[in-house]
Amino acid sequence: MKISSIHDFLGSIRIQPRTLPTRRKSAPPTPTPQLLTIVLANRGSICDAMERFGGRFAQGIAIALRCADPNHTRRLCEALPDLITPYCPGGKFFQPTTPCQ
């Protein structure tokens, strides 16, 4: 086969489309209903522990959690259960606070 130009050469090449591997979509972590109940009941202590022992991201989430209404609290618990759980009762960073008298 005689090729007269680079355009003829490139036109004669057949490139097979490459298929990319598909990612499996994993289900987002869903918090247990108990987590939401625990967070709503102990919000102050959990936020205090997050602000004291957490990193910058956890401290920012603690501020958001402290200001959140029940619907947004549920959304935060659904999005970040692994972040919030260590600061809940029974977690390694939880320290109950006594109310001011």
N, C-alpha and C. Protein backbone atom coordinates (compact mmCIF):
# COMPACT_ATOMS: atom_id res chain seq x y z
N MET A 1 0.84 -1.17 0.00
CA MET A 1 0.00 0.00 0.00
C MET A 1 0.88 1.23 0.00
N LYS A 2 0.64 2.08 -0.96
CA LYS A 2 1.43 3.30 -1.08
C LYS A 2 0.72 4.43 -0.35
N ILE A 3 1.48 5.13 0.50
CA ILE A 3 0.92 6.23 1.28
C ILE A 3 1.53 7.52 0.76
N SER A 4 0.66 8.44 0.35
CA SER A 4 1.16 9.67 -0.23
C SER A 4 1.31 10.79 0.79
N SER A 5 0.61 10.73 1.88
CA SER A 5 0.72 11.80 2.87
C SER A 5 0.43 11.24 4.26
N ILE A 6 0.74 12.04 5.23
CA ILE A 6 0.49 11.65 6.62
C ILE A 6 -1.00 11.50 6.88
N HIS A 7 -1.81 12.32 6.19
CA HIS A 7 -3.26 12.24 6.37
C HIS A 7 -3.79 10.90 5.87
N ASP A 8 -3.24 10.41 4.76
CA ASP A 8 -3.65 9.09 4.28
C ASP A 8 -3.24 8.01 5.27
N PHE A 9 -2.05 8.17 5.84
CA PHE A 9 -1.56 7.19 6.80
C PHE A 9 -2.46 7.16 8.04
N LEU A 10 -2.76 8.36 8.58
CA LEU A 10 -3.60 8.42 9.77
C LEU A 10 -5.01 7.93 9.48
N GLY A 11 -5.48 8.18 8.30
CA GLY A 11 -6.81 7.71 7.93
C GLY A 11 -6.89 6.21 7.78
N SER A 12 -5.77 5.56 7.49
CA SER A 12 -5.78 4.11 7.32
C SER A 12 -5.68 3.35 8.63
N ILE A 13 -5.34 4.04 9.70
CA ILE A 13 -5.21 3.38 11.00
C ILE A 13 -6.59 3.22 11.62
N ARG A 14 -6.88 2.04 12.06
CA ARG A 14 -8.15 1.77 12.74
C ARG A 14 -7.88 1.65 14.23
N ILE A 15 -8.42 2.56 14.98
CA ILE A 15 -8.22 2.56 16.43
C ILE A 15 -9.48 2.02 17.08
N GLN A 16 -9.29 1.03 17.89
CA GLN A 16 -10.42 0.46 18.62
C GLN A 16 -10.70 1.32 19.85
N PRO A 17 -11.96 1.62 20.08
CA PRO A 17 -12.26 2.41 21.29
C PRO A 17 -11.93 1.61 22.54
N ARG A 18 -11.34 2.29 23.47
CA ARG A 18 -10.94 1.65 24.72
C ARG A 18 -12.07 1.78 25.72
N THR A 19 -12.42 0.70 26.30
CA THR A 19 -13.47 0.76 27.32
C THR A 19 -12.81 0.90 28.68
N LEU A 20 -13.32 1.81 29.43
CA LEU A 20 -12.79 2.04 30.77
C LEU A 20 -13.53 1.15 31.75
N PRO A 21 -12.84 0.70 32.77
CA PRO A 21 -13.54 -0.12 33.77
C PRO A 21 -14.59 0.72 34.48
N THR A 22 -15.70 0.12 34.74
CA THR A 22 -16.77 0.84 35.43
C THR A 22 -16.58 0.68 36.93
N ARG A 23 -16.89 1.73 37.64
CA ARG A 23 -16.82 1.69 39.09
C ARG A 23 -18.12 1.15 39.64
N ARG A 24 -17.98 0.37 40.66
CA ARG A 24 -19.18 -0.06 41.36
C ARG A 24 -19.60 1.06 42.29
N LYS A 25 -20.85 1.39 42.21
CA LYS A 25 -21.35 2.43 43.09
C LYS A 25 -21.78 1.78 44.39
N SER A 26 -21.08 2.13 45.43
CA SER A 26 -21.44 1.58 46.73
C SER A 26 -22.51 2.47 47.35
N ALA A 27 -23.32 1.85 48.14
CA ALA A 27 -24.37 2.60 48.81
C ALA A 27 -23.74 3.53 49.83
N PRO A 28 -24.24 4.75 49.94
CA PRO A 28 -23.68 5.65 50.94
C PRO A 28 -23.94 5.11 52.34
N PRO A 29 -23.03 5.39 53.27
CA PRO A 29 -23.25 4.88 54.62
C PRO A 29 -24.49 5.50 55.22
N THR A 30 -25.34 4.67 55.74
CA THR A 30 -26.56 5.18 56.35
C THR A 30 -26.43 5.04 57.86
N PRO A 31 -26.72 6.10 58.56
CA PRO A 31 -26.61 6.01 60.01
C PRO A 31 -27.78 5.21 60.57
N THR A 32 -27.54 4.61 61.67
CA THR A 32 -28.63 3.93 62.33
C THR A 32 -29.55 4.99 62.93
N PRO A 33 -30.82 4.66 63.08
CA PRO A 33 -31.71 5.64 63.72
C PRO A 33 -31.24 6.00 65.13
N GLN A 34 -30.52 5.05 65.75
CA GLN A 34 -30.02 5.33 67.10
C GLN A 34 -28.99 6.45 67.08
N LEU A 35 -28.19 6.54 66.01
CA LEU A 35 -27.17 7.60 65.94
C LEU A 35 -27.83 8.97 65.96
N LEU A 36 -28.88 9.12 65.18
CA LEU A 36 -29.57 10.42 65.16
C LEU A 36 -30.17 10.73 66.53
N THR A 37 -30.77 9.74 67.16
CA THR A 37 -31.35 9.94 68.50
C THR A 37 -30.27 10.32 69.50
N ILE A 38 -29.13 9.63 69.43
CA ILE A 38 -28.02 9.92 70.36
C ILE A 38 -27.49 11.33 70.13
N VAL A 39 -27.33 11.70 68.86
CA VAL A 39 -26.79 13.03 68.56
C VAL A 39 -27.77 14.11 69.02
N LEU A 40 -29.05 13.90 68.79
CA LEU A 40 -30.03 14.91 69.22
C LEU A 40 -30.08 15.03 70.73
N ALA A 41 -29.89 13.92 71.46
CA ALA A 41 -29.96 13.95 72.92
C ALA A 41 -28.68 14.49 73.55
N ASN A 42 -27.53 14.30 72.90
CA ASN A 42 -26.24 14.68 73.49
C ASN A 42 -25.49 15.66 72.61
N ARG A 43 -26.19 16.50 71.90
CA ARG A 43 -25.55 17.39 70.92
C ARG A 43 -24.46 18.26 71.54
N GLY A 44 -24.70 18.84 72.68
CA GLY A 44 -23.71 19.72 73.30
C GLY A 44 -22.42 19.01 73.66
N SER A 45 -22.54 17.83 74.29
CA SER A 45 -21.35 17.07 74.68
C SER A 45 -20.59 16.56 73.46
N ILE A 46 -21.33 16.12 72.44
CA ILE A 46 -20.69 15.63 71.23
C ILE A 46 -19.95 16.76 70.53
N CYS A 47 -20.58 17.91 70.42
CA CYS A 47 -19.93 19.05 69.77
C CYS A 47 -18.72 19.53 70.57
N ASP A 48 -18.83 19.53 71.89
CA ASP A 48 -17.68 19.91 72.72
C ASP A 48 -16.50 18.98 72.49
N ALA A 49 -16.79 17.67 72.44
CA ALA A 49 -15.71 16.69 72.21
C ALA A 49 -15.11 16.85 70.82
N MET A 50 -15.95 17.12 69.81
CA MET A 50 -15.44 17.31 68.45
C MET A 50 -14.56 18.54 68.37
N GLU A 51 -14.97 19.62 69.07
CA GLU A 51 -14.17 20.84 69.04
C GLU A 51 -12.87 20.68 69.82
N ARG A 52 -12.88 19.87 70.86
CA ARG A 52 -11.68 19.72 71.69
C ARG A 52 -10.69 18.72 71.10
N PHE A 53 -11.18 17.57 70.64
CA PHE A 53 -10.29 16.49 70.22
C PHE A 53 -10.19 16.33 68.70
N GLY A 54 -11.09 16.94 67.95
CA GLY A 54 -11.10 16.74 66.51
C GLY A 54 -10.14 17.66 65.77
N GLY A 55 -9.92 17.31 64.52
CA GLY A 55 -9.11 18.16 63.66
C GLY A 55 -9.93 19.33 63.15
N ARG A 56 -9.36 20.07 62.21
CA ARG A 56 -10.05 21.26 61.71
C ARG A 56 -11.39 20.92 61.06
N PHE A 57 -11.42 19.82 60.31
CA PHE A 57 -12.67 19.43 59.65
C PHE A 57 -13.72 19.05 60.69
N ALA A 58 -13.34 18.25 61.68
CA ALA A 58 -14.28 17.84 62.73
C ALA A 58 -14.76 19.05 63.53
N GLN A 59 -13.88 20.01 63.75
CA GLN A 59 -14.29 21.21 64.47
C GLN A 59 -15.31 22.01 63.66
N GLY A 60 -15.12 22.08 62.36
CA GLY A 60 -16.09 22.77 61.50
C GLY A 60 -17.43 22.05 61.48
N ILE A 61 -17.40 20.73 61.45
CA ILE A 61 -18.64 19.95 61.48
C ILE A 61 -19.33 20.14 62.83
N ALA A 62 -18.56 20.25 63.90
CA ALA A 62 -19.14 20.48 65.23
C ALA A 62 -19.89 21.80 65.27
N ILE A 63 -19.34 22.82 64.65
CA ILE A 63 -20.02 24.12 64.62
C ILE A 63 -21.32 24.00 63.82
N ALA A 64 -21.25 23.31 62.67
CA ALA A 64 -22.45 23.12 61.86
C ALA A 64 -23.48 22.28 62.61
N LEU A 65 -23.03 21.26 63.32
CA LEU A 65 -23.94 20.38 64.06
C LEU A 65 -24.60 21.12 65.21
N ARG A 66 -23.84 22.00 65.83
CA ARG A 66 -24.39 22.77 66.95
C ARG A 66 -25.51 23.72 66.49
N CYS A 67 -25.39 24.23 65.27
CA CYS A 67 -26.36 25.19 64.75
C CYS A 67 -27.49 24.54 63.96
N ALA A 68 -27.38 23.26 63.67
CA ALA A 68 -28.31 22.60 62.75
C ALA A 68 -29.66 22.30 63.40
N ASP A 69 -30.70 22.41 62.58
CA ASP A 69 -32.03 21.97 63.02
C ASP A 69 -32.09 20.45 62.89
N PRO A 70 -33.16 19.80 63.35
CA PRO A 70 -33.21 18.33 63.30
C PRO A 70 -33.05 17.75 61.89
N ASN A 71 -33.57 18.41 60.87
CA ASN A 71 -33.45 17.90 59.51
C ASN A 71 -31.99 17.94 59.05
N HIS A 72 -31.30 19.05 59.30
CA HIS A 72 -29.91 19.15 58.90
C HIS A 72 -29.00 18.28 59.78
N THR A 73 -29.40 18.06 61.03
CA THR A 73 -28.66 17.14 61.88
C THR A 73 -28.73 15.73 61.29
N ARG A 74 -29.92 15.34 60.83
CA ARG A 74 -30.08 14.04 60.19
C ARG A 74 -29.19 13.93 58.96
N ARG A 75 -29.15 14.99 58.16
CA ARG A 75 -28.33 14.97 56.94
C ARG A 75 -26.84 14.86 57.27
N LEU A 76 -26.40 15.54 58.31
CA LEU A 76 -25.00 15.43 58.73
C LEU A 76 -24.69 14.02 59.23
N CYS A 77 -25.63 13.44 59.97
CA CYS A 77 -25.42 12.07 60.48
C CYS A 77 -25.40 11.07 59.33
N GLU A 78 -26.21 11.30 58.29
CA GLU A 78 -26.21 10.41 57.13
C GLU A 78 -24.91 10.54 56.34
N ALA A 79 -24.40 11.75 56.23
CA ALA A 79 -23.21 11.98 55.42
C ALA A 79 -21.92 11.57 56.13
N LEU A 80 -21.87 11.75 57.45
CA LEU A 80 -20.61 11.56 58.17
C LEU A 80 -20.75 10.68 59.43
N PRO A 81 -21.35 9.50 59.31
CA PRO A 81 -21.51 8.70 60.54
C PRO A 81 -20.18 8.24 61.13
N ASP A 82 -19.19 7.96 60.27
CA ASP A 82 -17.89 7.51 60.78
C ASP A 82 -17.14 8.63 61.49
N LEU A 83 -17.41 9.87 61.14
CA LEU A 83 -16.76 11.00 61.80
C LEU A 83 -17.42 11.30 63.14
N ILE A 84 -18.73 11.19 63.21
CA ILE A 84 -19.47 11.60 64.40
C ILE A 84 -19.43 10.53 65.49
N THR A 85 -19.44 9.26 65.11
CA THR A 85 -19.56 8.16 66.08
C THR A 85 -18.50 8.16 67.19
N PRO A 86 -17.22 8.41 66.92
CA PRO A 86 -16.24 8.38 68.02
C PRO A 86 -16.48 9.44 69.10
N TYR A 87 -17.25 10.45 68.79
CA TYR A 87 -17.51 11.52 69.75
C TYR A 87 -18.83 11.32 70.50
N CYS A 88 -19.56 10.24 70.16
CA CYS A 88 -20.83 9.92 70.82
C CYS A 88 -20.57 9.14 72.10
N PRO A 89 -21.59 9.00 72.96
CA PRO A 89 -21.42 8.19 74.16
C PRO A 89 -20.95 6.78 73.80
N GLY A 90 -19.96 6.31 74.51
CA GLY A 90 -19.36 5.01 74.22
C GLY A 90 -18.16 5.12 73.30
N GLY A 91 -17.98 6.27 72.65
CA GLY A 91 -16.83 6.48 71.79
C GLY A 91 -15.61 6.89 72.60
N LYS A 92 -14.46 6.84 71.97
CA LYS A 92 -13.22 7.10 72.73
C LYS A 92 -13.02 8.57 73.07
N PHE A 93 -13.73 9.48 72.43
CA PHE A 93 -13.53 10.91 72.71
C PHE A 93 -14.67 11.55 73.49
N PHE A 94 -15.69 10.78 73.82
CA PHE A 94 -16.87 11.37 74.48
C PHE A 94 -16.58 11.66 75.94
N GLN A 95 -16.92 12.87 76.35
CA GLN A 95 -16.85 13.27 77.75
C GLN A 95 -18.12 14.05 78.06
N PRO A 96 -18.98 13.50 78.92
CA PRO A 96 -20.22 14.23 79.20
C PRO A 96 -19.94 15.54 79.91
N THR A 97 -20.71 16.53 79.56
CA THR A 97 -20.58 17.83 80.21
C THR A 97 -21.74 18.02 81.17
N THR A 98 -21.47 18.69 82.24
CA THR A 98 -22.53 18.95 83.20
C THR A 98 -23.16 20.30 82.87
N PRO A 99 -24.49 20.37 82.96
CA PRO A 99 -25.14 21.63 82.65
C PRO A 99 -24.79 22.71 83.67
N CYS A 100 -24.79 23.93 83.24
CA CYS A 100 -24.50 25.06 84.15
C CYS A 100 -25.61 25.19 85.16
N GLN A 101 -25.25 25.48 86.39
CA GLN A 101 -26.27 25.65 87.43
C GLN A 101 -26.24 27.05 87.98
